[in-house]
C-alpha atoms as a PDB file:
ATOM      1  CA  MET A   1      29.215 -88.532  10.762  1.00  0.00           C
ATOM      2  CA  SER A   2      27.472 -89.806   7.624  1.00  0.00           C
ATOM      3  CA  THR A   3      25.212 -87.544   5.620  1.00  0.00           C
ATOM      4  CA  ARG A   4      21.617 -87.588   6.895  1.00  0.00           C
ATOM      5  CA  ILE A   5      18.797 -87.789   4.351  1.00  0.00           C
ATOM      6  CA  LEU A   6      15.109 -87.535   5.209  1.00  0.00           C
ATOM      7  CA  ILE A   7      12.703 -89.178   2.739  1.00  0.00           C
ATOM      8  CA  ALA A   8       9.098 -87.957   2.846  1.00  0.00           C
ATOM      9  CA  GLU A   9       7.292 -90.548   0.717  1.00  0.00           C
ATOM     10  CA  ASP A  10       4.016 -92.441   1.324  1.00  0.00           C
ATOM     11  CA  ASP A  11       4.749 -95.266  -1.112  1.00  0.00           C
ATOM     12  CA  THR A  12       6.181 -97.866   1.288  1.00  0.00           C
ATOM     13  CA  ARG A  13       7.743-100.045  -1.400  1.00  0.00           C
ATOM     14  CA  LEU A  14       9.428 -97.128  -3.156  1.00  0.00           C
ATOM     15  CA  ALA A  15      10.588 -95.578   0.121  1.00  0.00           C
ATOM     16  CA  ASN A  16      12.157 -98.836   1.266  1.00  0.00           C
ATOM     17  CA  LEU A  17      13.896 -99.346  -2.076  1.00  0.00           C
ATOM     18  CA  ILE A  18      15.350 -95.836  -1.940  1.00  0.00           C
ATOM     19  CA  LYS A  19      16.258 -96.159   1.721  1.00  0.00           C
ATOM     20  CA  ASP A  20      18.056 -99.475   1.182  1.00  0.00           C
ATOM     21  CA  TYR A  21      19.969 -98.187  -1.841  1.00  0.00           C
ATOM     22  CA  LEU A  22      21.030 -94.932  -0.178  1.00  0.00           C
ATOM     23  CA  THR A  23      22.065 -96.812   2.958  1.00  0.00           C
ATOM     24  CA  GLN A  24      24.278 -99.038   0.798  1.00  0.00           C
ATOM     25  CA  GLN A  25      25.880 -95.856  -0.564  1.00  0.00           C
ATOM     26  CA  GLY A  26      26.799 -94.778   2.965  1.00  0.00           C
ATOM     27  CA  TYR A  27      23.987 -92.345   3.746  1.00  0.00           C
ATOM     28  CA  HIS A  28      22.116 -92.287   7.059  1.00  0.00           C
ATOM     29  CA  VAL A  29      18.474 -92.398   5.910  1.00  0.00           C
ATOM     30  CA  PHE A  30      15.265 -91.519   7.756  1.00  0.00           C
ATOM     31  CA  TRP A  31      11.739 -92.024   6.437  1.00  0.00           C
ATOM     32  CA  GLU A  32       8.418 -90.304   7.094  1.00  0.00           C
ATOM     33  CA  ALA A  33       5.220 -91.281   5.224  1.00  0.00           C
ATOM     34  CA  ASN A  34       2.770 -88.748   6.688  1.00  0.00           C
ATOM     35  CA  GLY A  35       2.990 -85.185   5.456  1.00  0.00           C
ATOM     36  CA  SER A  36       1.636 -83.802   8.720  1.00  0.00           C
ATOM     37  CA  LYS A  37       4.676 -85.208  10.560  1.00  0.00           C
ATOM     38  CA  VAL A  38       7.413 -84.052   8.207  1.00  0.00           C
ATOM     39  CA  VAL A  39       8.126 -80.686   9.859  1.00  0.00           C
ATOM     40  CA  ALA A  40       8.616 -82.381  13.228  1.00  0.00           C
ATOM     41  CA  ALA A  41      10.827 -85.010  11.578  1.00  0.00           C
ATOM     42  CA  VAL A  42      13.023 -82.290  10.065  1.00  0.00           C
ATOM     43  CA  LYS A  43      13.488 -80.711  13.497  1.00  0.00           C
ATOM     44  CA  ASN A  44      14.330 -84.067  15.096  1.00  0.00           C
ATOM     45  CA  VAL A  45      16.606 -85.405  12.368  1.00  0.00           C
ATOM     46  CA  ASN A  46      18.224 -82.149  11.198  1.00  0.00           C
ATOM     47  CA  PRO A  47      18.877 -83.717   7.771  1.00  0.00           C
ATOM     48  CA  ASP A  48      21.546 -82.602   5.334  1.00  0.00           C
ATOM     49  CA  LEU A  49      19.052 -83.114   2.483  1.00  0.00           C
ATOM     50  CA  ILE A  50      15.290 -83.698   2.186  1.00  0.00           C
ATOM     51  CA  ILE A  51      13.590 -85.778  -0.505  1.00  0.00           C
ATOM     52  CA  LEU A  52      10.021 -84.488  -0.555  1.00  0.00           C
ATOM     53  CA  ASP A  53       7.212 -86.195  -2.478  1.00  0.00           C
ATOM     54  CA  VAL A  54       4.595 -83.874  -3.959  1.00  0.00           C
ATOM     55  CA  MET A  55       1.620 -86.144  -3.222  1.00  0.00           C
ATOM     56  CA  LEU A  56       1.720 -86.841   0.522  1.00  0.00           C
ATOM     57  CA  PRO A  57      -1.200 -87.591   2.862  1.00  0.00           C
ATOM     58  CA  GLY A  58      -1.833 -85.051   5.592  1.00  0.00           C
ATOM     59  CA  ARG A  59       0.054 -82.203   3.916  1.00  0.00           C
ATOM     60  CA  ASP A  60       1.306 -82.165   0.347  1.00  0.00           C
ATOM     61  CA  GLY A  61       4.876 -81.541  -0.679  1.00  0.00           C
ATOM     62  CA  PHE A  62       4.249 -78.046  -2.032  1.00  0.00           C
ATOM     63  CA  GLU A  63       2.746 -76.868   1.258  1.00  0.00           C
ATOM     64  CA  LEU A  64       5.589 -78.449   3.202  1.00  0.00           C
ATOM     65  CA  CYS A  65       8.237 -76.895   0.972  1.00  0.00           C
ATOM     66  CA  ARG A  66       6.715 -73.440   1.497  1.00  0.00           C
ATOM     67  CA  GLN A  67       6.829 -73.904   5.261  1.00  0.00           C
ATOM     68  CA  LEU A  68      10.263 -75.483   5.447  1.00  0.00           C
ATOM     69  CA  ARG A  69      12.146 -73.193   3.086  1.00  0.00           C
ATOM     70  CA  PRO A  70      12.384 -70.111   5.327  1.00  0.00           C
ATOM     71  CA  GLN A  71      13.790 -72.147   8.218  1.00  0.00           C
ATOM     72  CA  TYR A  72      15.605 -75.033   6.531  1.00  0.00           C
ATOM     73  CA  PRO A  73      18.895 -74.022   4.826  1.00  0.00           C
ATOM     74  CA  GLY A  74      19.722 -77.370   3.210  1.00  0.00           C
ATOM     75  CA  PRO A  75      18.772 -78.745  -0.211  1.00  0.00           C
ATOM     76  CA  ILE A  76      15.223 -79.921  -0.938  1.00  0.00           C
ATOM     77  CA  LEU A  77      14.747 -82.437  -3.757  1.00  0.00           C
ATOM     78  CA  MET A  78      11.139 -82.771  -4.924  1.00  0.00           C
ATOM     79  CA  PHE A  79       9.627 -86.057  -6.104  1.00  0.00           C
ATOM     80  CA  THR A  80       6.754 -85.904  -8.583  1.00  0.00           C
ATOM     81  CA  ALA A  81       4.964 -88.697 -10.413  1.00  0.00           C
ATOM     82  CA  ARG A  82       3.818 -86.311 -13.127  1.00  0.00           C
ATOM     83  CA  LYS A  83       5.887 -84.895 -15.962  1.00  0.00           C
ATOM     84  CA  HIS A  84       3.880 -81.675 -16.169  1.00  0.00           C
ATOM     85  CA  ASP A  85       6.025 -78.550 -16.230  1.00  0.00           C
ATOM     86  CA  VAL A  86       3.637 -76.882 -13.789  1.00  0.00           C
ATOM     87  CA  ASP A  87       4.706 -79.250 -10.985  1.00  0.00           C
ATOM     88  CA  GLN A  88       8.370 -78.576 -11.655  1.00  0.00           C
ATOM     89  CA  ILE A  89       7.879 -74.817 -11.946  1.00  0.00           C
ATOM     90  CA  THR A  90       5.786 -74.694  -8.779  1.00  0.00           C
ATOM     91  CA  GLY A  91       8.364 -76.644  -6.799  1.00  0.00           C
ATOM     92  CA  LEU A  92      11.280 -74.494  -7.931  1.00  0.00           C
ATOM     93  CA  SER A  93       9.381 -71.250  -7.409  1.00  0.00           C
ATOM     94  CA  ILE A  94       8.632 -72.035  -3.747  1.00  0.00           C
ATOM     95  CA  GLY A  95      12.202 -72.957  -2.863  1.00  0.00           C
ATOM     96  CA  ALA A  96      12.922 -76.514  -3.995  1.00  0.00           C
ATOM     97  CA  ASP A  97      16.465 -76.953  -5.268  1.00  0.00           C
ATOM     98  CA  ASP A  98      15.844 -79.728  -7.772  1.00  0.00           C
ATOM     99  CA  TYR A  99      13.173 -82.196  -8.844  1.00  0.00           C
ATOM    100  CA  VAL A 100      13.013 -85.802 -10.011  1.00  0.00           C
ATOM    101  CA  VAL A 101      10.172 -87.401 -11.951  1.00  0.00           C
ATOM    102  CA  LYS A 102       9.204 -90.888 -10.768  1.00  0.00           C
ATOM    103  CA  PRO A 103      10.095 -93.589 -11.553  1.00  0.00           C
ATOM    104  CA  VAL A 104      13.800 -92.822 -11.309  1.00  0.00           C
ATOM    105  CA  GLU A 105      16.838 -95.057 -11.510  1.00  0.00           C
ATOM    106  CA  PRO A 106      18.640 -95.240  -8.137  1.00  0.00           C
ATOM    107  CA  GLN A 107      21.946 -94.261  -9.756  1.00  0.00           C
ATOM    108  CA  VAL A 108      20.337 -91.130 -11.205  1.00  0.00           C
ATOM    109  CA  LEU A 109      18.839 -90.228  -7.827  1.00  0.00           C
ATOM    110  CA  VAL A 110      22.217 -90.599  -6.116  1.00  0.00           C
ATOM    111  CA  ALA A 111      23.838 -88.420  -8.785  1.00  0.00           C
ATOM    112  CA  ARG A 112      21.250 -85.705  -8.168  1.00  0.00           C
ATOM    113  CA  ILE A 113      21.746 -85.965  -4.399  1.00  0.00           C
ATOM    114  CA  GLU A 114      25.525 -85.747  -4.704  1.00  0.00           C
ATOM    115  CA  ALA A 115      25.259 -82.745  -7.028  1.00  0.00           C
ATOM    116  CA  LEU A 116      23.004 -80.949  -4.547  1.00  0.00           C
ATOM    117  CA  LEU A 117      25.283 -81.694  -1.611  1.00  0.00           C
ATOM    118  CA  ARG A 118      28.320 -80.472  -3.542  1.00  0.00           C
ATOM    119  CA  ARG A 119      26.578 -77.201  -4.294  1.00  0.00           C
ATOM    120  CA  PHE A 120      26.100 -76.623  -0.572  1.00  0.00           C
ATOM    121  CA  GLN A 121      29.815 -76.971   0.124  1.00  0.00           C
ATOM    122  CA  PRO A 122      31.977 -73.804   0.158  1.00  0.00           C
ATOM    123  CA  ARG A 123      32.963 -72.840  -3.382  1.00  0.00           C
ATOM    124  CA  ASP A 124      36.541 -71.965  -4.244  1.00  0.00           C
ATOM    125  CA  SER A 125      35.285 -68.996  -6.234  1.00  0.00           C
ATOM    126  CA  LEU A 126      33.448 -67.691  -3.196  1.00  0.00           C
ATOM    127  CA  GLU A 127      36.512 -68.061  -0.980  1.00  0.00           C
ATOM    128  CA  ASN A 128      39.001 -66.555  -3.416  1.00  0.00           C
ATOM    129  CA  SER A 129      37.100 -63.288  -3.729  1.00  0.00           C
ATOM    130  CA  LYS A 130      35.476 -62.225  -0.471  1.00  0.00           C
ATOM    131  CA  ALA A 131      33.292 -59.321  -1.576  1.00  0.00           C
ATOM    132  CA  LEU A 132      31.808 -57.635  -4.619  1.00  0.00           C
ATOM    133  CA  GLU A 133      30.244 -54.180  -4.739  1.00  0.00           C
ATOM    134  CA  PHE A 134      28.062 -52.537  -7.379  1.00  0.00           C
ATOM    135  CA  GLY A 135      26.641 -49.189  -6.329  1.00  0.00           C
ATOM    136  CA  ARG A 136      24.445 -49.856  -3.281  1.00  0.00           C
ATOM    137  CA  LEU A 137      24.600 -53.626  -3.785  1.00  0.00           C
ATOM    138  CA  LYS A 138      27.177 -55.441  -1.674  1.00  0.00           C
ATOM    139  CA  LEU A 139      27.819 -59.189  -1.836  1.00  0.00           C
ATOM    140  CA  ASN A 140      29.878 -60.876   0.864  1.00  0.00           C
ATOM    141  CA  ALA A 141      31.080 -64.401   0.126  1.00  0.00           C
ATOM    142  CA  LYS A 142      32.250 -65.198   3.635  1.00  0.00           C
ATOM    143  CA  SER A 143      28.899 -64.421   5.272  1.00  0.00           C
ATOM    144  CA  ARG A 144      26.966 -65.303   2.096  1.00  0.00           C
ATOM    145  CA  ALA A 145      25.038 -62.070   2.476  1.00  0.00           C
ATOM    146  CA  ALA A 146      23.550 -59.715  -0.101  1.00  0.00           C
ATOM    147  CA  ARG A 147      22.806 -56.166   1.008  1.00  0.00           C
ATOM    148  CA  PHE A 148      21.246 -53.218  -0.772  1.00  0.00           C
ATOM    149  CA  GLY A 149      22.102 -50.137   1.197  1.00  0.00           C
ATOM    150  CA  ASP A 150      21.278 -50.931   4.832  1.00  0.00           C
ATOM    151  CA  ASP A 151      18.886 -53.769   3.971  1.00  0.00           C
ATOM    152  CA  GLU A 152      19.806 -57.441   3.800  1.00  0.00           C
ATOM    153  CA  ILE A 153      18.193 -59.295   0.914  1.00  0.00           C
ATOM    154  CA  LYS A 154      17.071 -62.746   2.033  1.00  0.00           C
ATOM    155  CA  LEU A 155      18.385 -65.209  -0.539  1.00  0.00           C
ATOM    156  CA  THR A 156      18.565 -68.980  -0.388  1.00  0.00           C
ATOM    157  CA  SER A 157      21.995 -70.578  -0.635  1.00  0.00           C
ATOM    158  CA  HIS A 158      21.435 -71.487  -4.286  1.00  0.00           C
ATOM    159  CA  GLU A 159      20.122 -68.026  -5.132  1.00  0.00           C
ATOM    160  CA  PHE A 160      23.229 -66.456  -3.601  1.00  0.00           C
ATOM    161  CA  ASP A 161      25.490 -68.820  -5.565  1.00  0.00           C
ATOM    162  CA  LEU A 162      23.775 -67.869  -8.813  1.00  0.00           C
ATOM    163  CA  LEU A 163      23.787 -64.125  -8.067  1.00  0.00           C
ATOM    164  CA  TRP A 164      27.460 -64.268  -7.100  1.00  0.00           C
ATOM    165  CA  TYR A 165      28.324 -66.158 -10.275  1.00  0.00           C
ATOM    166  CA  LEU A 166      26.509 -63.665 -12.473  1.00  0.00           C
ATOM    167  CA  ALA A 167      28.053 -60.732 -10.586  1.00  0.00           C
ATOM    168  CA  GLN A 168      31.527 -62.173 -11.125  1.00  0.00           C
ATOM    169  CA  HIS A 169      30.804 -61.987 -14.852  1.00  0.00           C
ATOM    170  CA  ALA A 170      29.175 -58.546 -14.723  1.00  0.00           C
ATOM    171  CA  GLY A 171      28.492 -57.123 -18.156  1.00  0.00           C
ATOM    172  CA  ASP A 172      29.090 -60.429 -19.919  1.00  0.00           C
ATOM    173  CA  LEU A 173      26.530 -62.805 -21.391  1.00  0.00           C
ATOM    174  CA  VAL A 174      26.494 -66.009 -19.366  1.00  0.00           C
ATOM    175  CA  THR A 175      24.752 -68.846 -21.182  1.00  0.00           C
ATOM    176  CA  ARG A 176      22.347 -71.297 -19.560  1.00  0.00           C
ATOM    177  CA  GLU A 177      24.705 -74.100 -20.538  1.00  0.00           C
ATOM    178  CA  THR A 178      27.578 -72.472 -18.656  1.00  0.00           C
ATOM    179  CA  ILE A 179      25.449 -71.748 -15.587  1.00  0.00           C
ATOM    180  CA  HIS A 180      24.176 -75.313 -15.475  1.00  0.00           C
ATOM    181  CA  PHE A 181      27.674 -76.747 -15.684  1.00  0.00           C
ATOM    182  CA  ASP A 182      29.390 -74.334 -13.269  1.00  0.00           C
ATOM    183  CA  VAL A 183      26.592 -73.602 -10.768  1.00  0.00           C
ATOM    184  CA  ILE A 184      23.948 -76.326 -11.011  1.00  0.00           C
ATOM    185  CA  GLY A 185      26.489 -79.099 -11.455  1.00  0.00           C
ATOM    186  CA  ARG A 186      25.066 -80.881 -14.479  1.00  0.00           C
ATOM    187  CA  GLU A 187      24.721 -80.318 -18.217  1.00  0.00           C
ATOM    188  CA  TYR A 188      21.764 -78.347 -19.557  1.00  0.00           C
ATOM    189  CA  ASP A 189      19.223 -80.597 -21.277  1.00  0.00           C
ATOM    190  CA  GLY A 190      17.441 -77.813 -23.157  1.00  0.00           C
ATOM    191  CA  VAL A 191      14.250 -77.916 -21.074  1.00  0.00           C
ATOM    192  CA  ASP A 192      15.327 -77.653 -17.417  1.00  0.00           C
ATOM    193  CA  ARG A 193      13.798 -74.523 -15.839  1.00  0.00           C
ATOM    194  CA  THR A 194      15.913 -74.491 -12.663  1.00  0.00           C
ATOM    195  CA  VAL A 195      18.073 -71.507 -13.645  1.00  0.00           C
ATOM    196  CA  ASP A 196      15.132 -69.537 -15.045  1.00  0.00           C
ATOM    197  CA  MET A 197      13.152 -69.958 -11.826  1.00  0.00           C
ATOM    198  CA  ARG A 198      16.088 -68.947  -9.632  1.00  0.00           C
ATOM    199  CA  VAL A 199      16.747 -65.838 -11.707  1.00  0.00           C
ATOM    200  CA  SER A 200      13.045 -64.988 -11.447  1.00  0.00           C
ATOM    201  CA  ASN A 201      13.141 -65.418  -7.669  1.00  0.00           C
ATOM    202  CA  ILE A 202      16.254 -63.248  -7.370  1.00  0.00           C
ATOM    203  CA  ARG A 203      14.662 -60.508  -9.471  1.00  0.00           C
ATOM    204  CA  LYS A 204      11.523 -60.470  -7.341  1.00  0.00           C
ATOM    205  CA  LYS A 205      13.490 -60.255  -4.109  1.00  0.00           C
ATOM    206  CA  MET A 206      15.799 -57.552  -5.476  1.00  0.00           C
ATOM    207  CA  ALA A 207      12.868 -55.523  -6.798  1.00  0.00           C
ATOM    208  CA  GLU A 208      11.464 -55.211  -3.279  1.00  0.00           C
ATOM    209  CA  TYR A 209      14.505 -53.088  -2.398  1.00  0.00           C
ATOM    210  CA  THR A 210      15.658 -51.598  -5.698  1.00  0.00           C
ATOM    211  CA  GLY A 211      12.279 -50.896  -7.295  1.00  0.00           C
ATOM    212  CA  ARG A 212      13.452 -52.423 -10.572  1.00  0.00           C
ATOM    213  CA  ASP A 213      13.649 -55.909 -12.010  1.00  0.00           C
ATOM    214  CA  ASP A 214      15.928 -55.362 -15.005  1.00  0.00           C
ATOM    215  CA  ALA A 215      19.318 -55.497 -13.288  1.00  0.00           C
ATOM    216  CA  ILE A 216      19.671 -59.094 -14.502  1.00  0.00           C
ATOM    217  CA  LYS A 217      18.775 -59.051 -18.170  1.00  0.00           C
ATOM    218  CA  THR A 218      17.535 -62.022 -20.161  1.00  0.00           C
ATOM    219  CA  VAL A 219      19.065 -62.600 -23.575  1.00  0.00           C
ATOM    220  CA  TRP A 220      16.324 -64.753 -25.060  1.00  0.00           C
ATOM    221  CA  GLY A 221      17.423 -68.181 -26.119  1.00  0.00           C
ATOM    222  CA  ARG A 222      20.918 -67.701 -24.755  1.00  0.00           C
ATOM    223  CA  GLY A 223      21.301 -66.674 -21.107  1.00  0.00           C
ATOM    224  CA  TYR A 224      21.657 -63.716 -18.732  1.00  0.00           C
ATOM    225  CA  VAL A 225      23.652 -60.536 -18.187  1.00  0.00           C
ATOM    226  CA  PHE A 226      24.307 -58.955 -14.782  1.00  0.00           C
ATOM    227  CA  VAL A 227      24.097 -55.155 -15.291  1.00  0.00           C
ATOM    228  CA  ALA A 228      26.865 -53.628 -13.192  1.00  0.00           C
ATOM    229  CA  ASP A 229      25.601 -50.025 -13.189  1.00  0.00           C
ATOM    230  CA  ALA A 230      21.974 -50.829 -12.292  1.00  0.00           C
ATOM    231  CA  TRP A 231      22.359 -50.847  -8.511  1.00  0.00           C
ATOM    232  CA  ASP A 232      22.709 -47.147  -7.641  1.00  0.00           C
END
């Protein structure tokens, strides 16, 4: 079965161009122009990936992303016509996995889609080592679960991948460039905030259970360090 992509975009011309190009690349593409119908479309289509425009009639992309994220496990790619960092930061902070600023070359869009889909496939590193344990923190690669004591910490798939990667390098500085290449699947351009937002989200979720937000330290201008003895 071909990969299913749902496009939520109210610009008919742009949506048709994207749909035609993705169809030529072998994807099975669905389109919804009204934001108020997107949630129902997701349930009906069960897409492997959602392209979600920020400015939709009925309900905007940010509102939809907030609602979909807790129940939709696949990748969400946000479309924005504005280059403002606030749009990108907002999208990533509420659960979007990547963003694209319009207009975008079709080849670039396909590359982003393929990178997202690859990141949702099982990782060799996750399969080779099934579990990691640091004090009360337990990470299980097979079930993709993070637990602190008896509590399960609800992480998105991408958040788990990033936490697992950092935990595998516990005590070592991991640069943004390395994380982007190994985890995000593309080179770091010096301004992309994807990793920063995911680390921030992980910290907030962990702090609800651990009472501290310094178990993943920021080395300003360089990257992050997973503190192995901070989980007791």
